[in-house]
């Protein structure tokens, strides 16, 4: 992976464009292989319940005999998806199952119980194991609590995502011990890239003229605010991307926009756009731009070879720069994503 993705004292817009030009064809080939059945795959297979950890795992496994598949179809969000029973068969047939940990994806929890009842020897890898989670907002419903009232979206903090990389690498070594050297080396490369990403995020927030961001999205970005010292206000305080937007949510959004004189907001790629368009029509907001918690991918992003790092640099970072008044907007990004449908 490229090691010049950017530092706190280097122009990060240029480095993100350079990053796209390096190895895009290879990345596309890897991403295009996701969401398929494992039945016809020769050699050991790991399957993942969530795009972020699929992407980390496929990079860790690069160049080894291990195949990694993403169970969540392209275009769908990894939190609210409910698969058909064939997915459980893919998990039973796989050598490893990588998850976000208990309580976050009910279908994955059910699948694990089925696999255990079946007596399959699928190795379970909890990417969240050992990560110290943030407390949830007090407004989150009790039935959404994770690990005793914690926020599970830790992978948005690159420093915490690195812990998941180590955990995944450990689990994959258990599956293919003969590949340990390659798996460990690849994991170190992924963590180095996370360090570079962390520095780029720090540069954006250091240049910010604002310290409050509003996102027409569910509550998934608290780790970004905590890591980089900003206030991020979500439209919907619960964890589920498919949660209903209530009149009180919209009123709170309008109050936030007025209080902080916001003219640009974020809107979630995999959630309904209607709240963002309504706020643009009824408040001083002139534009909304995309954000994503890396819970899924789109066909266009797959075609471009975008994984976690490319989505961070090409989607989330550009939007946060705009919302924070941290730099001049990229003309191409503005043309493609301003008030996107």
C-alpha atoms as a PDB file:
ATOM      1  CA  UNK A   1       0.000   0.000   0.000  1.00  0.00           C
ATOM      2  CA  UNK A   2       1.253   3.522  -0.640  1.00  0.00           C
ATOM      3  CA  UNK A   3       3.119   5.130   2.232  1.00  0.00           C
ATOM      4  CA  UNK A   4       2.832   8.735   1.028  1.00  0.00           C
ATOM      5  CA  UNK A   5      -0.875   9.201   1.653  1.00  0.00           C
ATOM      6  CA  UNK A   6      -0.364  12.355   3.648  1.00  0.00           C
ATOM      7  CA  UNK A   7       0.856  13.829   6.911  1.00  0.00           C
ATOM      8  CA  UNK A   8      -0.187  16.770   9.036  1.00  0.00           C
ATOM      9  CA  UNK A   9       2.169  19.098   7.161  1.00  0.00           C
ATOM     10  CA  UNK A  10       1.516  17.855   3.643  1.00  0.00           C
ATOM     11  CA  UNK A  11      -1.348  18.963   1.337  1.00  0.00           C
ATOM     12  CA  UNK A  12      -3.819  16.152   1.758  1.00  0.00           C
ATOM     13  CA  UNK A  13      -5.960  16.867  -1.293  1.00  0.00           C
ATOM     14  CA  UNK A  14      -3.039  16.152  -3.609  1.00  0.00           C
ATOM     15  CA  UNK A  15      -2.055  13.018  -1.715  1.00  0.00           C
ATOM     16  CA  UNK A  16      -5.588  11.632  -1.939  1.00  0.00           C
ATOM     17  CA  UNK A  17      -5.576  12.060  -5.711  1.00  0.00           C
ATOM     18  CA  UNK A  18      -2.171  10.370  -5.933  1.00  0.00           C
ATOM     19  CA  UNK A  19      -3.442   7.525  -3.788  1.00  0.00           C
ATOM     20  CA  UNK A  20      -6.217   6.791  -6.284  1.00  0.00           C
ATOM     21  CA  UNK A  21      -3.724   6.321  -9.060  1.00  0.00           C
ATOM     22  CA  UNK A  22      -1.733   3.633  -7.245  1.00  0.00           C
ATOM     23  CA  UNK A  23      -2.864   0.059  -7.635  1.00  0.00           C
ATOM     24  CA  UNK A  24      -6.499   0.835  -8.466  1.00  0.00           C
ATOM     25  CA  UNK A  25      -6.825  -2.125 -10.822  1.00  0.00           C
ATOM     26  CA  UNK A  26      -5.581  -4.536  -8.155  1.00  0.00           C
ATOM     27  CA  UNK A  27      -7.966  -3.127  -5.554  1.00  0.00           C
ATOM     28  CA  UNK A  28     -10.895  -3.333  -7.989  1.00  0.00           C
ATOM     29  CA  UNK A  29     -10.185  -6.986  -8.645  1.00  0.00           C
ATOM     30  CA  UNK A  30     -10.253  -7.711  -4.923  1.00  0.00           C
ATOM     31  CA  UNK A  31     -13.411  -5.760  -4.196  1.00  0.00           C
ATOM     32  CA  UNK A  32     -15.229  -7.157  -7.209  1.00  0.00           C
ATOM     33  CA  UNK A  33     -14.846 -10.623  -5.720  1.00  0.00           C
ATOM     34  CA  UNK A  34     -17.080  -9.866  -2.739  1.00  0.00           C
ATOM     35  CA  UNK A  35     -20.587 -11.062  -1.909  1.00  0.00           C
ATOM     36  CA  UNK A  36     -20.266 -14.305  -3.868  1.00  0.00           C
ATOM     37  CA  UNK A  37     -21.006 -17.787  -2.591  1.00  0.00           C
ATOM     38  CA  UNK A  38     -18.002 -19.637  -1.205  1.00  0.00           C
ATOM     39  CA  UNK A  39     -19.186 -22.995  -2.539  1.00  0.00           C
ATOM     40  CA  UNK A  40     -16.923 -23.051  -5.612  1.00  0.00           C
ATOM     41  CA  UNK A  41     -13.854 -21.524  -3.964  1.00  0.00           C
ATOM     42  CA  UNK A  42     -10.738 -23.684  -3.703  1.00  0.00           C
ATOM     43  CA  UNK A  43      -8.687 -23.313  -0.537  1.00  0.00           C
ATOM     44  CA  UNK A  44      -9.528 -21.751   2.836  1.00  0.00           C
ATOM     45  CA  UNK A  45     -12.230 -19.058   2.959  1.00  0.00           C
ATOM     46  CA  UNK A  46     -13.108 -16.330   5.459  1.00  0.00           C
ATOM     47  CA  UNK A  47     -16.438 -14.516   5.221  1.00  0.00           C
ATOM     48  CA  UNK A  48     -17.266 -11.151   6.813  1.00  0.00           C
ATOM     49  CA  UNK A  49     -20.530  -9.649   8.017  1.00  0.00           C
ATOM     50  CA  UNK A  50     -19.498  -6.027   7.504  1.00  0.00           C
ATOM     51  CA  UNK A  51     -17.754  -4.123   4.715  1.00  0.00           C
ATOM     52  CA  UNK A  52     -15.056  -2.436   6.818  1.00  0.00           C
ATOM     53  CA  UNK A  53     -13.757  -5.670   8.286  1.00  0.00           C
ATOM     54  CA  UNK A  54     -14.076  -7.503   4.980  1.00  0.00           C
ATOM     55  CA  UNK A  55     -11.878  -4.801   3.460  1.00  0.00           C
ATOM     56  CA  UNK A  56      -9.279  -5.039   6.218  1.00  0.00           C
ATOM     57  CA  UNK A  57      -9.306  -8.840   6.025  1.00  0.00           C
ATOM     58  CA  UNK A  58      -8.864  -9.010   2.255  1.00  0.00           C
ATOM     59  CA  UNK A  59      -5.839  -6.707   2.528  1.00  0.00           C
ATOM     60  CA  UNK A  60      -4.384  -8.813   5.339  1.00  0.00           C
ATOM     61  CA  UNK A  61      -4.907 -11.951   3.233  1.00  0.00           C
ATOM     62  CA  UNK A  62      -3.483 -10.443   0.034  1.00  0.00           C
ATOM     63  CA  UNK A  63      -1.033 -12.795  -1.667  1.00  0.00           C
ATOM     64  CA  UNK A  64      -1.922 -15.780   0.523  1.00  0.00           C
ATOM     65  CA  UNK A  65      -3.989 -18.886  -0.158  1.00  0.00           C
ATOM     66  CA  UNK A  66      -6.886 -17.441   1.862  1.00  0.00           C
ATOM     67  CA  UNK A  67      -9.957 -16.011   0.092  1.00  0.00           C
ATOM     68  CA  UNK A  68     -12.058 -13.362   1.856  1.00  0.00           C
ATOM     69  CA  UNK A  69     -15.691 -12.689   0.900  1.00  0.00           C
ATOM     70  CA  UNK A  70     -18.120  -9.977   1.992  1.00  0.00           C
ATOM     71  CA  UNK A  71     -21.533 -11.436   2.802  1.00  0.00           C
ATOM     72  CA  UNK A  72     -23.403  -8.102   2.534  1.00  0.00           C
ATOM     73  CA  UNK A  73     -24.414  -7.339  -1.077  1.00  0.00           C
ATOM     74  CA  UNK A  74     -23.060  -4.251  -2.802  1.00  0.00           C
ATOM     75  CA  UNK A  75     -25.360  -1.264  -2.313  1.00  0.00           C
ATOM     76  CA  UNK A  76     -26.692  -2.315   1.086  1.00  0.00           C
ATOM     77  CA  UNK A  77     -25.874  -1.022   4.566  1.00  0.00           C
ATOM     78  CA  UNK A  78     -24.263  -3.596   6.847  1.00  0.00           C
ATOM     79  CA  UNK A  79     -26.269  -2.715   9.958  1.00  0.00           C
ATOM     80  CA  UNK A  80     -29.907  -3.197   8.972  1.00  0.00           C
ATOM     81  CA  UNK A  81     -29.547  -5.941   6.349  1.00  0.00           C
ATOM     82  CA  UNK A  82     -31.454  -9.199   6.863  1.00  0.00           C
ATOM     83  CA  UNK A  83     -30.107 -12.048   4.700  1.00  0.00           C
ATOM     84  CA  UNK A  84     -31.827 -15.207   3.501  1.00  0.00           C
ATOM     85  CA  UNK A  85     -30.896 -18.598   5.007  1.00  0.00           C
ATOM     86  CA  UNK A  86     -28.323 -19.329   2.288  1.00  0.00           C
ATOM     87  CA  UNK A  87     -25.931 -16.919   4.004  1.00  0.00           C
ATOM     88  CA  UNK A  88     -25.837 -19.137   7.076  1.00  0.00           C
ATOM     89  CA  UNK A  89     -24.809 -22.040   4.840  1.00  0.00           C
ATOM     90  CA  UNK A  90     -21.945 -19.897   3.488  1.00  0.00           C
ATOM     91  CA  UNK A  91     -20.820 -19.261   7.069  1.00  0.00           C
ATOM     92  CA  UNK A  92     -21.016 -22.968   7.959  1.00  0.00           C
ATOM     93  CA  UNK A  93     -18.972 -23.806   4.853  1.00  0.00           C
ATOM     94  CA  UNK A  94     -16.366 -21.112   5.583  1.00  0.00           C
ATOM     95  CA  UNK A  95     -13.201 -21.540   7.620  1.00  0.00           C
ATOM     96  CA  UNK A  96     -13.712 -18.226   9.470  1.00  0.00           C
ATOM     97  CA  UNK A  97     -16.503 -15.716  10.107  1.00  0.00           C
ATOM     98  CA  UNK A  98     -15.484 -12.108  10.828  1.00  0.00           C
ATOM     99  CA  UNK A  99     -18.069 -10.001  12.686  1.00  0.00           C
ATOM    100  CA  UNK A 100     -18.454  -6.628  14.426  1.00  0.00           C
ATOM    101  CA  UNK A 101     -19.149  -8.402  17.701  1.00  0.00           C
ATOM    102  CA  UNK A 102     -22.399  -9.268  19.482  1.00  0.00           C
ATOM    103  CA  UNK A 103     -25.608  -7.185  19.460  1.00  0.00           C
ATOM    104  CA  UNK A 104     -24.763  -4.998  16.438  1.00  0.00           C
ATOM    105  CA  UNK A 105     -26.041  -7.268  13.648  1.00  0.00           C
ATOM    106  CA  UNK A 106     -28.815  -9.542  14.953  1.00  0.00           C
ATOM    107  CA  UNK A 107     -28.639 -11.756  11.857  1.00  0.00           C
ATOM    108  CA  UNK A 108     -24.949 -12.427  12.507  1.00  0.00           C
ATOM    109  CA  UNK A 109     -25.649 -13.333  16.136  1.00  0.00           C
ATOM    110  CA  UNK A 110     -28.359 -15.760  14.998  1.00  0.00           C
ATOM    111  CA  UNK A 111     -26.038 -17.242  12.388  1.00  0.00           C
ATOM    112  CA  UNK A 112     -23.333 -17.859  14.988  1.00  0.00           C
ATOM    113  CA  UNK A 113     -25.810 -19.721  17.182  1.00  0.00           C
ATOM    114  CA  UNK A 114     -26.886 -21.824  14.184  1.00  0.00           C
ATOM    115  CA  UNK A 115     -23.293 -22.604  13.272  1.00  0.00           C
ATOM    116  CA  UNK A 116     -22.568 -23.662  16.839  1.00  0.00           C
ATOM    117  CA  UNK A 117     -25.708 -25.829  16.948  1.00  0.00           C
ATOM    118  CA  UNK A 118     -24.667 -27.378  13.637  1.00  0.00           C
ATOM    119  CA  UNK A 119     -21.308 -28.331  15.104  1.00  0.00           C
ATOM    120  CA  UNK A 120     -19.389 -26.617  12.300  1.00  0.00           C
ATOM    121  CA  UNK A 121     -15.772 -25.726  12.982  1.00  0.00           C
ATOM    122  CA  UNK A 122     -15.991 -22.221  11.505  1.00  0.00           C
ATOM    123  CA  UNK A 123     -13.537 -20.027  13.415  1.00  0.00           C
ATOM    124  CA  UNK A 124     -15.280 -16.952  14.867  1.00  0.00           C
ATOM    125  CA  UNK A 125     -13.374 -13.647  14.716  1.00  0.00           C
ATOM    126  CA  UNK A 126     -14.883 -10.783  16.723  1.00  0.00           C
ATOM    127  CA  UNK A 127     -13.197  -7.675  15.275  1.00  0.00           C
ATOM    128  CA  UNK A 128     -14.311  -5.653  18.314  1.00  0.00           C
ATOM    129  CA  UNK A 129     -12.565  -7.869  20.848  1.00  0.00           C
ATOM    130  CA  UNK A 130     -10.443  -5.839  23.281  1.00  0.00           C
ATOM    131  CA  UNK A 131     -11.571  -2.440  21.994  1.00  0.00           C
ATOM    132  CA  UNK A 132     -12.651   0.065  24.661  1.00  0.00           C
ATOM    133  CA  UNK A 133     -15.913   1.522  23.391  1.00  0.00           C
ATOM    134  CA  UNK A 134     -17.365   4.980  24.011  1.00  0.00           C
ATOM    135  CA  UNK A 135     -20.536   5.465  26.023  1.00  0.00           C
ATOM    136  CA  UNK A 136     -23.669   6.001  23.974  1.00  0.00           C
ATOM    137  CA  UNK A 137     -25.704   9.191  24.007  1.00  0.00           C
ATOM    138  CA  UNK A 138     -28.298   9.134  26.771  1.00  0.00           C
ATOM    139  CA  UNK A 139     -31.047   9.436  24.141  1.00  0.00           C
ATOM    140  CA  UNK A 140     -30.353   6.034  22.593  1.00  0.00           C
ATOM    141  CA  UNK A 141     -33.017   3.407  23.229  1.00  0.00           C
ATOM    142  CA  UNK A 142     -32.175   0.660  25.714  1.00  0.00           C
ATOM    143  CA  UNK A 143     -32.698  -2.086  23.135  1.00  0.00           C
ATOM    144  CA  UNK A 144     -29.897  -0.616  21.030  1.00  0.00           C
ATOM    145  CA  UNK A 145     -27.262  -0.808  23.732  1.00  0.00           C
ATOM    146  CA  UNK A 146     -24.040  -2.595  22.823  1.00  0.00           C
ATOM    147  CA  UNK A 147     -21.880  -4.158  25.523  1.00  0.00           C
ATOM    148  CA  UNK A 148     -23.691  -2.402  28.361  1.00  0.00           C
ATOM    149  CA  UNK A 149     -24.573   0.921  26.740  1.00  0.00           C
ATOM    150  CA  UNK A 150     -21.621   1.484  24.420  1.00  0.00           C
ATOM    151  CA  UNK A 151     -21.245   2.930  20.912  1.00  0.00           C
ATOM    152  CA  UNK A 152     -19.989   0.197  18.540  1.00  0.00           C
ATOM    153  CA  UNK A 153     -18.797   2.442  15.651  1.00  0.00           C
ATOM    154  CA  UNK A 154     -15.169   2.355  16.779  1.00  0.00           C
ATOM    155  CA  UNK A 155     -13.747   1.679  13.302  1.00  0.00           C
ATOM    156  CA  UNK A 156     -14.292   5.350  12.369  1.00  0.00           C
ATOM    157  CA  UNK A 157     -11.350   6.130  14.670  1.00  0.00           C
ATOM    158  CA  UNK A 158      -8.257   4.935  12.758  1.00  0.00           C
ATOM    159  CA  UNK A 159      -6.338   4.293  15.970  1.00  0.00           C
ATOM    160  CA  UNK A 160      -9.037   1.902  17.203  1.00  0.00           C
ATOM    161  CA  UNK A 161      -9.457   0.360  13.758  1.00  0.00           C
ATOM    162  CA  UNK A 162      -5.841  -0.735  14.050  1.00  0.00           C
ATOM    163  CA  UNK A 163      -6.757  -2.913  17.017  1.00  0.00           C
ATOM    164  CA  UNK A 164      -9.330  -4.679  14.849  1.00  0.00           C
ATOM    165  CA  UNK A 165      -6.670  -5.275  12.198  1.00  0.00           C
ATOM    166  CA  UNK A 166      -4.526  -7.081  14.775  1.00  0.00           C
ATOM    167  CA  UNK A 167      -7.503  -9.120  15.965  1.00  0.00           C
ATOM    168  CA  UNK A 168      -8.431 -10.132  12.424  1.00  0.00           C
ATOM    169  CA  UNK A 169      -4.828 -11.040  11.648  1.00  0.00           C
ATOM    170  CA  UNK A 170      -4.656 -13.197  14.779  1.00  0.00           C
ATOM    171  CA  UNK A 171      -7.831 -15.001  13.741  1.00  0.00           C
ATOM    172  CA  UNK A 172      -6.681 -15.585  10.186  1.00  0.00           C
ATOM    173  CA  UNK A 173      -3.352 -16.942  11.414  1.00  0.00           C
ATOM    174  CA  UNK A 174      -5.335 -19.529  13.367  1.00  0.00           C
ATOM    175  CA  UNK A 175      -7.028 -20.541  10.103  1.00  0.00           C
ATOM    176  CA  UNK A 176      -3.913 -20.632   7.874  1.00  0.00           C
ATOM    177  CA  UNK A 177      -0.896 -20.827  10.195  1.00  0.00           C
ATOM    178  CA  UNK A 178       1.459 -21.552   7.289  1.00  0.00           C
ATOM    179  CA  UNK A 179       0.732 -18.018   5.998  1.00  0.00           C
ATOM    180  CA  UNK A 180       1.511 -16.263   9.288  1.00  0.00           C
ATOM    181  CA  UNK A 181       4.478 -14.250   8.008  1.00  0.00           C
ATOM    182  CA  UNK A 182       2.546 -12.782   5.081  1.00  0.00           C
ATOM    183  CA  UNK A 183      -0.559 -12.144   7.176  1.00  0.00           C
ATOM    184  CA  UNK A 184       1.427 -10.314   9.871  1.00  0.00           C
ATOM    185  CA  UNK A 185       3.338  -8.220   7.335  1.00  0.00           C
ATOM    186  CA  UNK A 186       0.152  -7.267   5.516  1.00  0.00           C
ATOM    187  CA  UNK A 187      -1.515  -6.339   8.805  1.00  0.00           C
ATOM    188  CA  UNK A 188       1.377  -4.013   9.637  1.00  0.00           C
ATOM    189  CA  UNK A 189       0.950  -2.342   6.236  1.00  0.00           C
ATOM    190  CA  UNK A 190      -2.759  -1.805   6.877  1.00  0.00           C
ATOM    191  CA  UNK A 191      -2.009  -0.295  10.294  1.00  0.00           C
ATOM    192  CA  UNK A 192       0.613   2.001   8.776  1.00  0.00           C
ATOM    193  CA  UNK A 193      -1.993   3.216   6.313  1.00  0.00           C
ATOM    194  CA  UNK A 194      -4.397   3.818   9.200  1.00  0.00           C
ATOM    195  CA  UNK A 195      -1.711   5.935  10.869  1.00  0.00           C
ATOM    196  CA  UNK A 196      -1.391   7.993   7.681  1.00  0.00           C
ATOM    197  CA  UNK A 197      -5.154   8.374   7.519  1.00  0.00           C
ATOM    198  CA  UNK A 198      -5.226   9.501  11.143  1.00  0.00           C
ATOM    199  CA  UNK A 199      -2.677  12.227  10.351  1.00  0.00           C
ATOM    200  CA  UNK A 200      -4.747  13.420   7.399  1.00  0.00           C
ATOM    201  CA  UNK A 201      -7.862  13.622   9.562  1.00  0.00           C
ATOM    202  CA  UNK A 202      -5.936  15.583  12.188  1.00  0.00           C
ATOM    203  CA  UNK A 203      -4.789  18.062   9.520  1.00  0.00           C
ATOM    204  CA  UNK A 204      -8.378  18.658   8.405  1.00  0.00           C
ATOM    205  CA  UNK A 205      -9.651  19.310  11.916  1.00  0.00           C
ATOM    206  CA  UNK A 206      -6.625  21.460  12.750  1.00  0.00           C
ATOM    207  CA  UNK A 207      -7.476  23.711   9.782  1.00  0.00           C
ATOM    208  CA  UNK A 208     -11.182  23.917  10.667  1.00  0.00           C
ATOM    209  CA  UNK A 209     -12.898  27.277  11.036  1.00  0.00           C
ATOM    210  CA  UNK A 210     -15.919  25.576  12.621  1.00  0.00           C
ATOM    211  CA  UNK A 211     -16.168  23.072  15.436  1.00  0.00           C
ATOM    212  CA  UNK A 212     -19.755  21.883  14.921  1.00  0.00           C
ATOM    213  CA  UNK A 213     -20.883  19.618  12.084  1.00  0.00           C
ATOM    214  CA  UNK A 214     -24.443  18.531  11.400  1.00  0.00           C
ATOM    215  CA  UNK A 215     -25.135  15.242   9.620  1.00  0.00           C
ATOM    216  CA  UNK A 216     -28.533  14.175   8.319  1.00  0.00           C
ATOM    217  CA  UNK A 217     -27.670  10.645   9.381  1.00  0.00           C
ATOM    218  CA  UNK A 218     -27.965   8.192  12.245  1.00  0.00           C
ATOM    219  CA  UNK A 219     -25.661   8.317  15.233  1.00  0.00           C
ATOM    220  CA  UNK A 220     -22.458   6.813  13.802  1.00  0.00           C
ATOM    221  CA  UNK A 221     -19.773   9.512  13.881  1.00  0.00           C
ATOM    222  CA  UNK A 222     -19.190  10.184  17.570  1.00  0.00           C
ATOM    223  CA  UNK A 223     -15.766   8.545  17.387  1.00  0.00           C
ATOM    224  CA  UNK A 224     -14.676  11.079  14.763  1.00  0.00           C
ATOM    225  CA  UNK A 225     -15.704  13.959  17.014  1.00  0.00           C
ATOM    226  CA  UNK A 226     -14.065  12.381  20.052  1.00  0.00           C
ATOM    227  CA  UNK A 227     -10.808  11.646  18.249  1.00  0.00           C
ATOM    228  CA  UNK A 228     -10.383  15.057  16.640  1.00  0.00           C
ATOM    229  CA  UNK A 229     -12.073  17.416  19.087  1.00  0.00           C
ATOM    230  CA  UNK A 230     -15.232  18.471  17.248  1.00  0.00           C
ATOM    231  CA  UNK A 231     -18.961  18.342  17.928  1.00  0.00           C
ATOM    232  CA  UNK A 232     -20.858  16.178  15.463  1.00  0.00           C
ATOM    233  CA  UNK A 233     -24.634  16.435  15.668  1.00  0.00           C
ATOM    234  CA  UNK A 234     -26.589  13.556  14.051  1.00  0.00           C
ATOM    235  CA  UNK A 235     -30.153  13.945  12.848  1.00  0.00           C
ATOM    236  CA  UNK A 236     -31.190  10.648  14.420  1.00  0.00           C
ATOM    237  CA  UNK A 237     -29.702   9.764  17.801  1.00  0.00           C
ATOM    238  CA  UNK A 238     -30.267   6.011  17.571  1.00  0.00           C
ATOM    239  CA  UNK A 239     -27.831   3.531  16.067  1.00  0.00           C
ATOM    240  CA  UNK A 240     -29.954   2.027  13.328  1.00  0.00           C
ATOM    241  CA  UNK A 241     -29.593   3.543   9.870  1.00  0.00           C
ATOM    242  CA  UNK A 242     -33.187   2.617   9.086  1.00  0.00           C
ATOM    243  CA  UNK A 243     -34.569   4.408  12.163  1.00  0.00           C
ATOM    244  CA  UNK A 244     -37.528   6.727  11.700  1.00  0.00           C
ATOM    245  CA  UNK A 245     -36.976  10.478  11.612  1.00  0.00           C
ATOM    246  CA  UNK A 246     -39.382  12.147  14.049  1.00  0.00           C
ATOM    247  CA  UNK A 247     -40.668  15.738  13.995  1.00  0.00           C
ATOM    248  CA  UNK A 248     -38.588  16.372  17.115  1.00  0.00           C
ATOM    249  CA  UNK A 249     -35.477  15.273  15.197  1.00  0.00           C
ATOM    250  CA  UNK A 250     -36.208  17.733  12.413  1.00  0.00           C
ATOM    251  CA  UNK A 251     -36.882  20.547  14.878  1.00  0.00           C
ATOM    252  CA  UNK A 252     -33.607  19.871  16.643  1.00  0.00           C
ATOM    253  CA  UNK A 253     -31.850  19.903  13.269  1.00  0.00           C
ATOM    254  CA  UNK A 254     -33.383  23.256  12.347  1.00  0.00           C
ATOM    255  CA  UNK A 255     -32.375  24.694  15.713  1.00  0.00           C
ATOM    256  CA  UNK A 256     -28.776  23.479  15.272  1.00  0.00           C
ATOM    257  CA  UNK A 257     -28.551  24.917  11.750  1.00  0.00           C
ATOM    258  CA  UNK A 258     -29.827  28.269  12.945  1.00  0.00           C
ATOM    259  CA  UNK A 259     -27.684  28.381  16.088  1.00  0.00           C
ATOM    260  CA  UNK A 260     -24.432  27.706  14.241  1.00  0.00           C
ATOM    261  CA  UNK A 261     -25.329  29.479  10.976  1.00  0.00           C
ATOM    262  CA  UNK A 262     -24.751  26.355   8.911  1.00  0.00           C
ATOM    263  CA  UNK A 263     -25.078  26.535   5.146  1.00  0.00           C
ATOM    264  CA  UNK A 264     -23.782  23.024   4.402  1.00  0.00           C
ATOM    265  CA  UNK A 265     -24.560  19.706   6.080  1.00  0.00           C
ATOM    266  CA  UNK A 266     -23.754  16.038   5.571  1.00  0.00           C
ATOM    267  CA  UNK A 267     -26.159  13.372   4.346  1.00  0.00           C
ATOM    268  CA  UNK A 268     -25.727   9.617   4.670  1.00  0.00           C
ATOM    269  CA  UNK A 269     -25.154   7.739   1.427  1.00  0.00           C
ATOM    270  CA  UNK A 270     -27.066   4.617   2.494  1.00  0.00           C
ATOM    271  CA  UNK A 271     -29.967   6.370   4.233  1.00  0.00           C
ATOM    272  CA  UNK A 272     -33.034   8.215   2.893  1.00  0.00           C
ATOM    273  CA  UNK A 273     -32.175  11.608   1.424  1.00  0.00           C
ATOM    274  CA  UNK A 274     -35.532  13.213   2.181  1.00  0.00           C
ATOM    275  CA  UNK A 275     -34.537  14.802   5.540  1.00  0.00           C
ATOM    276  CA  UNK A 276     -31.514  16.486   3.927  1.00  0.00           C
ATOM    277  CA  UNK A 277     -33.553  17.826   1.023  1.00  0.00           C
ATOM    278  CA  UNK A 278     -36.236  19.078   3.413  1.00  0.00           C
ATOM    279  CA  UNK A 279     -33.647  20.919   5.496  1.00  0.00           C
ATOM    280  CA  UNK A 280     -32.209  22.458   2.333  1.00  0.00           C
ATOM    281  CA  UNK A 281     -35.682  23.633   1.356  1.00  0.00           C
ATOM    282  CA  UNK A 282     -36.742  24.954   4.762  1.00  0.00           C
ATOM    283  CA  UNK A 283     -33.564  26.338   6.352  1.00  0.00           C
ATOM    284  CA  UNK A 284     -30.490  28.372   5.429  1.00  0.00           C
ATOM    285  CA  UNK A 285     -28.737  25.203   4.244  1.00  0.00           C
ATOM    286  CA  UNK A 286     -27.640  25.547   0.628  1.00  0.00           C
ATOM    287  CA  UNK A 287     -26.105  22.136   0.076  1.00  0.00           C
ATOM    288  CA  UNK A 288     -25.599  18.696   1.550  1.00  0.00           C
ATOM    289  CA  UNK A 289     -22.690  16.344   0.883  1.00  0.00           C
ATOM    290  CA  UNK A 290     -22.138  12.601   1.451  1.00  0.00           C
ATOM    291  CA  UNK A 291     -20.900  10.805   4.542  1.00  0.00           C
ATOM    292  CA  UNK A 292     -20.685   7.102   5.257  1.00  0.00           C
ATOM    293  CA  UNK A 293     -19.596   5.027   8.266  1.00  0.00           C
ATOM    294  CA  UNK A 294     -17.985   2.487   5.876  1.00  0.00           C
ATOM    295  CA  UNK A 295     -20.865   0.084   6.444  1.00  0.00           C
ATOM    296  CA  UNK A 296     -21.328  -0.704   2.773  1.00  0.00           C
ATOM    297  CA  UNK A 297     -20.165   0.066  -0.734  1.00  0.00           C
ATOM    298  CA  UNK A 298     -21.778   1.074  -4.011  1.00  0.00           C
ATOM    299  CA  UNK A 299     -21.328  -0.391  -7.513  1.00  0.00           C
ATOM    300  CA  UNK A 300     -19.576   2.825  -8.551  1.00  0.00           C
ATOM    301  CA  UNK A 301     -17.132   2.604  -5.656  1.00  0.00           C
ATOM    302  CA  UNK A 302     -16.384  -1.022  -6.482  1.00  0.00           C
ATOM    303  CA  UNK A 303     -15.739  -0.047 -10.121  1.00  0.00           C
ATOM    304  CA  UNK A 304     -13.317   2.621  -8.904  1.00  0.00           C
ATOM    305  CA  UNK A 305     -11.527   0.174  -6.621  1.00  0.00           C
ATOM    306  CA  UNK A 306     -12.517   1.962  -3.418  1.00  0.00           C
ATOM    307  CA  UNK A 307     -12.144   0.309  -0.050  1.00  0.00           C
ATOM    308  CA  UNK A 308     -12.102   1.820   3.437  1.00  0.00           C
ATOM    309  CA  UNK A 309      -9.154   4.122   2.754  1.00  0.00           C
ATOM    310  CA  UNK A 310     -10.327   5.394  -0.613  1.00  0.00           C
ATOM    311  CA  UNK A 311     -13.852   6.039   0.685  1.00  0.00           C
ATOM    312  CA  UNK A 312     -12.371   7.959   3.608  1.00  0.00           C
ATOM    313  CA  UNK A 313     -10.242  10.126   1.351  1.00  0.00           C
ATOM    314  CA  UNK A 314     -12.705  10.640  -1.477  1.00  0.00           C
ATOM    315  CA  UNK A 315     -16.014  10.889   0.399  1.00  0.00           C
ATOM    316  CA  UNK A 316     -15.805  11.578   4.127  1.00  0.00           C
ATOM    317  CA  UNK A 317     -12.712  13.798   4.153  1.00  0.00           C
ATOM    318  CA  UNK A 318     -13.931  15.989   1.320  1.00  0.00           C
ATOM    319  CA  UNK A 319     -17.284  16.446   3.026  1.00  0.00           C
ATOM    320  CA  UNK A 320     -15.789  17.246   6.425  1.00  0.00           C
ATOM    321  CA  UNK A 321     -13.419  19.778   4.851  1.00  0.00           C
ATOM    322  CA  UNK A 322     -16.441  21.541   3.392  1.00  0.00           C
ATOM    323  CA  UNK A 323     -18.547  21.369   6.543  1.00  0.00           C
ATOM    324  CA  UNK A 324     -15.671  22.537   8.753  1.00  0.00           C
ATOM    325  CA  UNK A 325     -14.549  25.328   6.412  1.00  0.00           C
ATOM    326  CA  UNK A 326     -11.154  23.645   6.504  1.00  0.00           C
ATOM    327  CA  UNK A 327     -10.110  24.296   2.922  1.00  0.00           C
ATOM    328  CA  UNK A 328     -11.186  25.131  -0.595  1.00  0.00           C
ATOM    329  CA  UNK A 329     -13.688  22.598  -1.963  1.00  0.00           C
ATOM    330  CA  UNK A 330     -12.522  20.273  -4.687  1.00  0.00           C
ATOM    331  CA  UNK A 331     -14.364  21.270  -7.879  1.00  0.00           C
ATOM    332  CA  UNK A 332     -14.804  17.704  -9.064  1.00  0.00           C
ATOM    333  CA  UNK A 333     -16.154  16.542  -5.726  1.00  0.00           C
ATOM    334  CA  UNK A 334     -18.572  19.468  -5.538  1.00  0.00           C
ATOM    335  CA  UNK A 335     -19.856  18.815  -9.054  1.00  0.00           C
ATOM    336  CA  UNK A 336     -20.435  15.111  -8.387  1.00  0.00           C
ATOM    337  CA  UNK A 337     -21.773  15.173  -4.843  1.00  0.00           C
ATOM    338  CA  UNK A 338     -23.405  18.540  -4.097  1.00  0.00           C
ATOM    339  CA  UNK A 339     -27.070  17.745  -3.253  1.00  0.00           C
ATOM    340  CA  UNK A 340     -26.639  14.189  -4.569  1.00  0.00           C
ATOM    341  CA  UNK A 341     -29.700  12.039  -5.206  1.00  0.00           C
END
